[in-house]
C-alpha atoms as a PDB file:
ATOM      1  CA  MET A   1      11.301  32.018  34.936  1.00  0.00           C
ATOM      2  CA  PRO A   2       7.779  30.463  34.385  1.00  0.00           C
ATOM      3  CA  MET A   3       7.502  31.938  30.930  1.00  0.00           C
ATOM      4  CA  GLN A   4      10.938  30.548  29.908  1.00  0.00           C
ATOM      5  CA  ARG A   5       9.854  27.078  30.992  1.00  0.00           C
ATOM      6  CA  SER A   6       6.621  27.383  29.085  1.00  0.00           C
ATOM      7  CA  VAL A   7       8.467  28.248  25.917  1.00  0.00           C
ATOM      8  CA  LEU A   8      10.986  25.396  26.398  1.00  0.00           C
ATOM      9  CA  GLY A   9       8.224  23.042  27.224  1.00  0.00           C
ATOM     10  CA  LYS A  10       6.415  23.946  23.989  1.00  0.00           C
ATOM     11  CA  LEU A  11       9.716  23.566  22.024  1.00  0.00           C
ATOM     12  CA  GLY A  12      10.145  20.138  23.632  1.00  0.00           C
ATOM     13  CA  ILE A  13       6.716  19.043  22.648  1.00  0.00           C
ATOM     14  CA  ALA A  14       7.104  20.248  19.099  1.00  0.00           C
ATOM     15  CA  ALA A  15      10.406  18.496  18.804  1.00  0.00           C
ATOM     16  CA  GLY A  16       8.801  15.248  20.099  1.00  0.00           C
ATOM     17  CA  VAL A  17       5.942  15.523  17.610  1.00  0.00           C
ATOM     18  CA  ALA A  18       8.351  16.117  14.796  1.00  0.00           C
ATOM     19  CA  ALA A  19      10.475  13.198  15.764  1.00  0.00           C
ATOM     20  CA  ALA A  20       7.376  10.961  15.925  1.00  0.00           C
ATOM     21  CA  ALA A  21       6.153  12.069  12.560  1.00  0.00           C
ATOM     22  CA  THR A  22       9.549  11.323  11.041  1.00  0.00           C
ATOM     23  CA  VAL A  23       9.633   7.800  12.496  1.00  0.00           C
ATOM     24  CA  LEU A  24       6.056   7.208  11.237  1.00  0.00           C
ATOM     25  CA  SER A  25       6.796   8.536   7.765  1.00  0.00           C
ATOM     26  CA  LEU A  26       9.914   6.408   7.512  1.00  0.00           C
ATOM     27  CA  SER A  27       8.153   3.148   8.614  1.00  0.00           C
ATOM     28  CA  GLY A  28       5.432   4.031   6.130  1.00  0.00           C
ATOM     29  CA  ALA A  29       7.824   4.464   3.233  1.00  0.00           C
ATOM     30  CA  GLY A  30       9.259   1.001   4.001  1.00  0.00           C
ATOM     31  CA  ALA A  31       5.904  -0.590   3.842  1.00  0.00           C
ATOM     32  CA  ALA A  32       4.898   1.259   0.639  1.00  0.00           C
ATOM     33  CA  SER A  33       7.972   0.163  -1.139  1.00  0.00           C
ATOM     34  CA  ALA A  34       7.096  -3.535  -0.917  1.00  0.00           C
ATOM     35  CA  ASP A  35       6.395  -5.136  -4.315  1.00  0.00           C
ATOM     36  CA  ILE A  36       2.549  -5.549  -4.626  1.00  0.00           C
ATOM     37  CA  THR A  37       2.569  -6.286  -8.299  1.00  0.00           C
ATOM     38  CA  PRO A  38       1.071  -9.765  -9.080  1.00  0.00           C
ATOM     39  CA  ARG A  39       3.168 -12.233 -11.189  1.00  0.00           C
ATOM     40  CA  HIS A  40       2.299 -12.534 -14.852  1.00  0.00           C
ATOM     41  CA  GLY A  41       0.485 -15.740 -15.727  1.00  0.00           C
ATOM     42  CA  LEU A  42      -1.647 -16.087 -12.508  1.00  0.00           C
ATOM     43  CA  THR A  43      -4.811 -17.948 -13.160  1.00  0.00           C
ATOM     44  CA  TYR A  44      -7.823 -18.340 -10.893  1.00  0.00           C
ATOM     45  CA  PRO A  45     -10.467 -21.201 -10.830  1.00  0.00           C
ATOM     46  CA  THR A  46     -13.395 -18.729 -11.034  1.00  0.00           C
ATOM     47  CA  TYR A  47     -14.107 -15.413 -12.700  1.00  0.00           C
ATOM     48  CA  THR A  48     -15.015 -14.033  -9.319  1.00  0.00           C
ATOM     49  CA  ASP A  49     -11.753 -15.040  -7.730  1.00  0.00           C
ATOM     50  CA  CYS A  50      -9.910 -13.355 -10.612  1.00  0.00           C
ATOM     51  CA  VAL A  51     -11.792 -10.058 -10.362  1.00  0.00           C
ATOM     52  CA  TYR A  52     -11.448 -10.035  -6.572  1.00  0.00           C
ATOM     53  CA  ALA A  53      -7.655 -10.488  -6.930  1.00  0.00           C
ATOM     54  CA  GLY A  54      -7.447  -7.707  -9.682  1.00  0.00           C
ATOM     55  CA  ASN A  55      -9.465  -5.348  -7.551  1.00  0.00           C
ATOM     56  CA  PHE A  56      -7.229  -5.986  -4.468  1.00  0.00           C
ATOM     57  CA  TYR A  57      -3.953  -5.342  -6.487  1.00  0.00           C
ATOM     58  CA  ALA A  58      -5.539  -2.237  -8.121  1.00  0.00           C
ATOM     59  CA  GLN A  59      -6.592  -0.744  -4.806  1.00  0.00           C
ATOM     60  CA  MET A  60      -3.051  -1.295  -3.454  1.00  0.00           C
ATOM     61  CA  GLY A  61      -1.581   0.502  -6.471  1.00  0.00           C
ATOM     62  CA  GLY A  62       0.037  -2.531  -7.863  1.00  0.00           C
ATOM     63  CA  LEU A  63      -1.648  -2.218 -11.259  1.00  0.00           C
ATOM     64  CA  HIS A  64      -3.595   0.256 -13.274  1.00  0.00           C
ATOM     65  CA  GLY A  65      -6.034  -1.961 -15.024  1.00  0.00           C
ATOM     66  CA  PHE A  66      -6.783  -5.642 -15.400  1.00  0.00           C
ATOM     67  CA  SER A  67      -9.069  -8.119 -17.282  1.00  0.00           C
ATOM     68  CA  CYS A  68      -9.930 -11.790 -16.581  1.00  0.00           C
ATOM     69  CA  PRO A  69     -10.102 -13.658 -19.914  1.00  0.00           C
ATOM     70  CA  GLN A  70     -10.881 -17.375 -19.776  1.00  0.00           C
ATOM     71  CA  VAL A  71      -7.990 -19.527 -20.897  1.00  0.00           C
ATOM     72  CA  SER A  72      -7.976 -22.992 -22.510  1.00  0.00           C
ATOM     73  CA  ASN A  73      -8.044 -24.940 -19.238  1.00  0.00           C
ATOM     74  CA  GLY A  74     -11.222 -23.251 -18.107  1.00  0.00           C
ATOM     75  CA  GLU A  75      -9.483 -21.037 -15.481  1.00  0.00           C
ATOM     76  CA  TYR A  76      -9.300 -17.180 -15.680  1.00  0.00           C
ATOM     77  CA  LEU A  77      -6.014 -15.340 -16.336  1.00  0.00           C
ATOM     78  CA  LEU A  78      -5.293 -12.184 -14.356  1.00  0.00           C
ATOM     79  CA  ASP A  79      -4.149 -10.053 -17.310  1.00  0.00           C
ATOM     80  CA  TRP A  80      -2.949  -6.680 -15.995  1.00  0.00           C
ATOM     81  CA  TRP A  81      -1.187  -3.534 -17.119  1.00  0.00           C
END
């Protein structure tokens, strides 16, 4: 009998771990599906602010590359692709 309980106990633990992993992966999938792409036409008052925002979005996977050209009003446009 003790050996049977041990096997059942291990199966119960394995099932619990599998269920927890499923819940965590599902909650992660929901968070990852959020739209993290910036709007086109965003401008920033300084070049540093623009580069910081571009780096943030790039690290989150929202864009592949970006530049920060200065526009006519003196602000910097987050131009991304």
